[in-house]
């Protein structure tokens, strides 16, 4: 069944009498990835070109009040989990205020944050007090020279200090995201796992995805695909650990978790490692997510550049019904699966920094 011939995407819910967001393939949306800015203090090579991306005036971004209006409608229709992303969300001024506003919305069960960690140390306490429930920090290498190369100048020590400050503030366990790139950091898999286990963090490896007109700037050539398949990653892990697959957690993100065991796992340590394998082990059938850009573009899929303009709805005086109709339009166009491919090839024109990580 094609999306074009599918029935309406907003359907009655049997939960609490609320209407819910369901796409044309029956997938219920419960999770919003909310980008609050396309500005970033890093220039990661898989996220943006070296000279950055065009930045719009602050007035072109949704205000906190506008964001809260959209989330209020979504939450009434079953979206209970909000992940704040960027760019780098911590460069958006007074982000803790937005966290507090979102936590106050009926139906919002959890607000979490993905960050590069550079500004985390000075904001961790305020974010925790505002009600932020969890943190994910991007760390693509434990070698300072490599880290600086992939981020174009980022300081690994400052990021690690930010993670430690967040742990002291009361966040934990902190999730660590590593984009695994063949020929760049794929020789650090076991070192990263050892560090995460010994530090009490939960490491998640992400397959490299072809996002944007050019997907890698400045890492040089490699033979074959940049993507390290999840199956190959598991083979590397099995050199040191025994692996068992954990059941998926309902209603959360796309990571599939493995339990590591054996003598190399410190006593009393959780031993979980996540794998986000969008390219080689498609999880579209269970997708429960929708994305919103800083400008209010509602995007049904990371790999699909089509967006519904919620900012236009909000600023033209649109009411709740108009917002519901816009949500329906976005979900109505959601495809059954994405078009990522192990050999790469562009599937979007927008860079990741402008979509929201």
Foldseek 3Di string as FASTA:
>chain_A
DWLVPFDFQWAFDPPPRFIFGGFRLGATAQEEEEEQELAAPFAFFQFADPVGDDHDPPVLFDDLVLVLQLLLLNLSRRHAEYEYFFNAVVVPPPVLVSLLSNVPRPRHDAYEYEHQQLCQLVCLLSNVVSPHQAYEHEDADPDQVLSCQRRVHDGPVSSVVSCVSNVVSPHPDHEYEHEQWPPRCVVCLVVVLLVCLVVRHAYEYEFQWQEAPHRGPDPDDDPFFRGDAPVNSVVVLVVAWDWDWDDDDPPDDQWTKIATDDPSRDPPTRRIYTYRGCAPDNPLQNDNYWYAFRSGWTARDSLAPDTQRVNVCVVVPHDSVSSVVSSRVRSSNDGSGHDTYRRHDYRYNHGCNRGTD
